[in-house]
Amino acid sequence: MENTRLAAKLDLLRQRLTALSPGLLALSGGLDSRVLAHLAWSWELEFRAVHVRGPHVPPAETAYALAWVASLGKTLEILDVDPLAHEGVCVNYKTRCYHCKKAMFQSLGALAERLGLSCMIEGSQASDAMVYRPGRQALAELGIVSPMAEVDLSKPELRAIARSTGMADPEQAARPCLLTRLEYGLRPTQDMLARLAACEAELAVMGLLDFRLRMHRDGRAVLQVSMTEAGLAERLTRPISEALQRHDLGYAELLVTGSVSGYFDI
C-alpha cells in the first residue's frame, strides 16, 4: 500500500514537472532540492540548476552542491546574493526568513528572466508545512512552484526515494542557513556568520552530524546536539572548546535535544 501511494505521488510529480519544463531549479545542496533535481534529470526534463551563494550559506554546502551536481555530469550555476544588504534580514526579527527568501528568489527571478525561463521551482516538501517557515509566504508572493509539496511528498518519502534510486547520502542531515543559528534580535554580520560556518565545519570533521551552534543576544553560545550524538559531543569537550576559542566564539553550553530544528522558534 505504501509503495503504491508513493508511486502515485511520483507519477503526479512527473506530470507536474513535465508541464513546468523548461525552468530554473533552485538547488541548495540539501536532500530535498537534490531529490527534486535528481528526479527531474532522470526523467530527462530540462531544468537549469542554480545555487545561491552568500554569507548566510556555509561554504561547505556550496562545495557539496557543486560536487554532487558534477558527479551527475551536470552543471550548477552559482548566483551570489547577499541578504545582509536588506534591512528586513539584518534586524533579525521572526520575519527574517521571509525577507531573506524574497531577496534570494527575486535575484533568481531576474536570472531566470535573462535566461528566458518563465518558471522557477524549489524543493519544499510536505513536512515543511508542520513547522514555522515564514519564507513560504515569499515563495507564494513571487509565484515560485514547490512541486514536491504540491503532490504531498514528505521527508521520509524523499529519503526512501533517494535510497531506492541510488542517490548519494540519502540520510543527509538538514543544514539550514546560518542565520537560523542566531537568536532573533541579534544583528548578523558577515564576520559572525563566517566564524560560525568555520567552527561548524571543524565540528563536522570531528564526527558530529546532527547539531547546531547557536548564538544568543547576550553573547552565550549553545552547542545543540541530537540525543544520538550526545555521547560523542561529551567525549569531544576539549577539542570542541578549542575550536570555539579559535573562532572567537567563547564557551558553548552543551544542550541535548530530540530535534535540533526550530530552537529559537519554541
Protein backbone atom coordinates (compact mmCIF):
# COMPACT_ATOMS: atom_id res chain seq x y z
CA MET A 1 0.00 0.00 0.00
CA GLU A 2 2.76 2.46 0.95
CA ASN A 3 4.70 1.71 -2.25
CA THR A 4 1.55 2.17 -4.32
CA ARG A 5 0.86 5.53 -2.67
CA LEU A 6 4.44 6.70 -3.23
CA ALA A 7 4.37 5.55 -6.86
CA ALA A 8 1.17 7.55 -7.40
CA LYS A 9 2.79 10.67 -5.94
CA LEU A 10 5.84 10.22 -8.16
CA ASP A 11 3.60 9.88 -11.20
CA LEU A 12 1.86 13.14 -10.28
CA LEU A 13 5.23 14.81 -9.73
CA ARG A 14 6.48 13.68 -13.12
CA GLN A 15 3.38 15.08 -14.80
CA ARG A 16 3.76 18.37 -12.94
CA LEU A 17 7.46 18.77 -13.74
CA THR A 18 6.85 17.90 -17.38
CA ALA A 19 4.30 20.70 -17.57
CA LEU A 20 6.71 23.15 -15.88
CA SER A 21 9.77 22.34 -18.01
CA PRO A 22 11.92 24.11 -19.08
CA GLY A 23 12.64 26.07 -15.94
CA LEU A 24 15.07 27.16 -13.26
CA LEU A 25 15.60 24.85 -10.28
CA ALA A 26 16.89 26.40 -7.04
CA LEU A 27 19.34 23.86 -5.62
CA SER A 28 20.69 24.44 -2.13
CA GLY A 29 22.51 21.12 -1.95
CA GLY A 30 20.24 19.75 0.79
CA LEU A 31 18.43 16.47 0.34
CA ASP A 32 15.11 17.97 -0.72
CA SER A 33 16.39 20.03 -3.64
CA ARG A 34 18.77 17.24 -4.63
CA VAL A 35 15.91 14.75 -4.89
CA LEU A 36 13.94 17.24 -6.98
CA ALA A 37 16.87 17.76 -9.35
CA HIS A 38 17.69 14.04 -9.46
CA LEU A 39 14.15 13.11 -10.44
CA ALA A 40 13.78 15.91 -12.99
CA TRP A 41 17.03 14.97 -14.70
CA SER A 42 16.37 11.22 -14.53
CA TRP A 43 13.12 11.93 -16.38
CA GLU A 44 15.17 13.93 -18.93
CA LEU A 45 13.35 17.16 -18.18
CA GLU A 46 15.02 20.48 -18.85
CA PHE A 47 15.74 22.33 -15.63
CA ARG A 48 18.71 24.61 -15.08
CA ALA A 49 20.09 24.24 -11.56
CA VAL A 50 21.19 27.39 -9.73
CA HIS A 51 22.75 27.58 -6.27
CA VAL A 52 22.62 30.79 -4.25
CA ARG A 53 25.91 31.63 -2.55
CA GLY A 54 26.19 34.27 0.15
CA PRO A 55 27.37 34.95 3.70
CA HIS A 56 24.37 33.00 5.04
CA VAL A 57 25.39 29.80 3.22
CA PRO A 58 28.20 27.66 4.71
CA PRO A 59 30.99 27.28 2.12
CA ALA A 60 30.88 23.53 2.76
CA GLU A 61 27.28 23.46 1.50
CA THR A 62 28.25 25.22 -1.73
CA ALA A 63 31.17 22.83 -2.25
CA TYR A 64 28.90 19.84 -1.61
CA ALA A 65 26.29 21.05 -4.09
CA LEU A 66 28.91 21.66 -6.78
CA ALA A 67 30.49 18.23 -6.28
CA TRP A 68 27.16 16.40 -6.31
CA VAL A 69 25.93 18.06 -9.50
CA ALA A 70 29.29 17.47 -11.19
CA SER A 71 29.09 13.77 -10.24
CA LEU A 72 25.94 13.58 -12.38
CA GLY A 73 27.65 15.21 -15.33
CA LYS A 74 25.51 18.32 -14.94
CA THR A 75 26.36 21.99 -14.45
CA LEU A 76 25.44 24.04 -11.40
CA GLU A 77 25.28 27.78 -11.87
CA ILE A 78 26.31 29.93 -8.89
CA LEU A 79 24.42 33.13 -8.13
CA ASP A 80 25.88 35.46 -5.49
CA VAL A 81 23.27 37.08 -3.25
CA ASP A 82 23.90 38.99 -0.03
CA PRO A 83 20.76 39.02 2.12
CA LEU A 84 22.59 41.20 4.67
CA ALA A 85 22.10 44.06 2.22
CA HIS A 86 18.42 44.03 3.22
CA GLU A 87 17.38 45.66 6.49
CA GLY A 88 14.48 43.23 6.87
CA VAL A 89 17.08 40.49 7.23
CA CYS A 90 19.54 42.42 9.37
CA VAL A 91 17.07 43.46 12.06
CA ASN A 92 16.61 39.70 12.51
CA TYR A 93 13.00 39.63 13.64
CA LYS A 94 10.89 36.47 13.34
CA THR A 95 10.03 37.51 9.77
CA ARG A 96 13.72 37.33 8.78
CA CYS A 97 13.25 34.18 6.70
CA TYR A 98 10.51 35.90 4.68
CA HIS A 99 12.79 38.81 3.76
CA CYS A 100 15.76 36.51 3.06
CA LYS A 101 13.77 34.18 0.79
CA LYS A 102 12.27 37.14 -1.02
CA ALA A 103 15.69 38.66 -1.69
CA MET A 104 17.10 35.36 -2.94
CA PHE A 105 14.21 34.47 -5.20
CA GLN A 106 13.92 37.97 -6.62
CA SER A 107 17.56 37.60 -7.69
CA LEU A 108 16.85 34.12 -9.05
CA GLY A 109 13.84 35.52 -10.89
CA ALA A 110 15.97 38.17 -12.55
CA LEU A 111 18.40 35.45 -13.65
CA ALA A 112 15.56 33.28 -14.96
CA GLU A 113 14.28 36.22 -16.98
CA ARG A 114 17.72 36.77 -18.52
CA LEU A 115 17.86 33.07 -19.39
CA GLY A 116 14.40 33.14 -20.95
CA LEU A 117 12.94 30.77 -18.35
CA SER A 118 9.43 31.57 -17.16
CA CYS A 119 9.18 29.01 -14.36
CA MET A 120 11.12 28.61 -11.10
CA ILE A 121 10.85 25.56 -8.86
CA GLU A 122 12.28 24.74 -5.44
CA GLY A 123 12.47 21.79 -3.08
CA SER A 124 10.00 22.41 -0.26
CA GLN A 125 8.12 19.25 0.72
CA ALA A 126 5.00 18.35 2.70
CA SER A 127 6.76 18.03 6.06
CA ASP A 128 7.78 21.70 5.89
CA ALA A 129 4.15 22.69 6.48
CA MET A 130 4.40 21.24 10.00
CA VAL A 131 6.99 23.75 11.22
CA TYR A 132 7.48 27.53 11.28
CA ARG A 133 8.54 28.58 7.77
CA PRO A 134 7.79 32.28 7.10
CA GLY A 135 9.76 32.03 3.86
CA ARG A 136 6.86 30.14 2.30
CA GLN A 137 4.93 33.40 2.10
CA ALA A 138 7.68 34.94 -0.04
CA LEU A 139 7.62 31.93 -2.37
CA ALA A 140 3.86 32.27 -2.79
CA GLU A 141 4.05 36.01 -3.46
CA LEU A 142 6.70 35.50 -6.15
CA GLY A 143 4.93 32.59 -7.83
CA ILE A 144 7.66 30.07 -7.04
CA VAL A 145 6.47 26.49 -7.53
CA SER A 146 7.11 23.81 -4.90
CA PRO A 147 6.10 20.69 -6.85
CA MET A 148 7.02 18.11 -4.20
CA ALA A 149 4.87 19.89 -1.61
CA GLU A 150 2.05 20.07 -4.16
CA VAL A 151 1.97 16.27 -4.53
CA ASP A 152 2.32 15.77 -0.74
CA LEU A 153 5.76 14.12 -0.72
CA SER A 154 7.13 14.02 2.83
CA LYS A 155 10.70 14.00 4.13
CA PRO A 156 10.65 10.26 4.94
CA GLU A 157 9.39 9.59 1.42
CA LEU A 158 12.19 11.69 -0.07
CA ARG A 159 14.73 9.65 1.87
CA ALA A 160 13.08 6.45 0.59
CA ILE A 161 13.27 7.78 -2.98
CA ALA A 162 16.92 8.71 -2.52
CA ARG A 163 17.76 5.23 -1.23
CA SER A 164 15.81 3.36 -3.90
CA THR A 165 17.30 5.38 -6.76
CA GLY A 166 20.89 5.10 -5.54
CA MET A 167 21.39 8.76 -4.70
CA ALA A 168 24.45 9.70 -2.67
CA ASP A 169 23.89 10.43 1.03
CA PRO A 170 20.16 9.61 1.37
CA GLU A 171 20.37 10.19 5.14
CA GLN A 172 21.87 13.67 4.66
CA ALA A 173 21.18 15.81 7.72
CA ALA A 174 19.44 19.14 7.21
CA ARG A 175 21.80 22.14 7.35
CA PRO A 176 19.66 25.29 7.13
CA CYS A 177 21.10 28.72 6.51
CA LEU A 178 23.46 30.23 9.07
CA LEU A 179 21.02 32.97 10.04
CA THR A 180 18.94 30.34 11.86
CA ARG A 181 21.80 29.95 14.35
CA LEU A 182 21.20 33.45 15.72
CA GLU A 183 18.67 34.46 18.35
CA TYR A 184 16.04 36.81 17.00
CA GLY A 185 17.17 40.39 17.55
CA LEU A 186 20.88 39.62 17.24
CA ARG A 187 22.10 41.58 14.24
CA PRO A 188 24.15 39.36 11.88
CA THR A 189 27.44 40.37 10.30
CA GLN A 190 29.47 38.67 7.60
CA ASP A 191 32.30 38.09 10.08
CA MET A 192 30.00 36.46 12.64
CA LEU A 193 28.47 34.13 10.05
CA ALA A 194 31.89 33.23 8.64
CA ARG A 195 33.18 32.30 12.10
CA LEU A 196 30.09 30.20 12.78
CA ALA A 197 30.46 28.38 9.46
CA ALA A 198 34.16 27.71 10.01
CA CYS A 199 33.61 26.40 13.54
CA GLU A 200 30.71 24.16 12.50
CA ALA A 201 32.87 22.80 9.67
CA GLU A 202 35.53 21.83 12.24
CA LEU A 203 32.94 20.14 14.44
CA ALA A 204 31.68 18.17 11.44
CA VAL A 205 35.23 16.95 10.75
CA MET A 206 35.32 15.71 14.36
CA GLY A 207 32.34 13.49 13.52
CA LEU A 208 29.32 15.50 14.66
CA LEU A 209 26.48 15.38 12.13
CA ASP A 210 23.18 16.41 13.71
CA PHE A 211 23.99 19.62 15.56
CA ARG A 212 23.73 23.42 15.50
CA LEU A 213 25.95 26.06 17.07
CA ARG A 214 23.57 28.73 18.40
CA MET A 215 24.37 32.32 19.36
CA HIS A 216 22.31 34.31 21.89
CA ARG A 217 21.97 38.08 22.09
CA ASP A 218 23.78 38.13 25.44
CA GLY A 219 26.86 36.55 23.83
CA ARG A 220 26.23 32.99 25.04
CA ALA A 221 26.91 30.14 22.65
CA VAL A 222 24.97 26.87 22.80
CA LEU A 223 26.07 23.69 21.06
CA GLN A 224 22.81 21.88 20.39
CA VAL A 225 23.14 18.19 19.53
CA SER A 226 20.64 15.40 18.98
CA MET A 227 20.34 12.62 21.55
CA THR A 228 22.14 10.19 19.24
CA GLU A 229 25.26 12.39 19.30
CA ALA A 230 25.29 13.38 22.97
CA GLY A 231 27.94 10.83 23.93
CA LEU A 232 30.27 11.87 21.12
CA ALA A 233 29.88 15.56 21.96
CA GLU A 234 30.73 14.89 25.61
CA ARG A 235 33.86 12.94 24.62
CA LEU A 236 34.90 15.82 22.36
CA THR A 237 34.51 18.50 25.04
CA ARG A 238 38.12 19.67 24.87
CA PRO A 239 38.56 19.82 21.05
CA ILE A 240 35.15 21.48 20.76
CA SER A 241 36.18 24.15 23.27
CA GLU A 242 39.45 24.69 21.39
CA ALA A 243 37.57 25.12 18.10
CA LEU A 244 35.26 27.68 19.66
CA GLN A 245 38.23 29.62 21.01
CA ARG A 246 39.97 29.57 17.62
CA HIS A 247 36.95 31.22 16.06
CA ASP A 248 36.40 33.71 18.88
CA LEU A 249 33.06 32.20 19.87
CA GLY A 250 33.79 31.79 23.58
CA TYR A 251 32.49 28.87 25.61
CA ALA A 252 29.44 26.87 24.49
CA GLU A 253 26.93 25.20 26.76
CA LEU A 254 26.08 21.67 25.56
CA LEU A 255 22.35 21.16 25.04
CA VAL A 256 20.95 17.75 24.09
CA THR A 257 17.53 17.80 22.39
CA GLY A 258 15.34 15.36 20.50
CA SER A 259 15.45 17.59 17.41
CA VAL A 260 17.95 20.30 16.55
CA SER A 261 15.49 22.26 14.39
CA GLY A 262 13.49 25.32 15.44
CA TYR A 263 15.50 26.16 18.58
CA PHE A 264 14.64 29.88 18.53
CA ASP A 265 11.04 29.30 17.37
CA ILE A 266 9.92 27.50 20.53
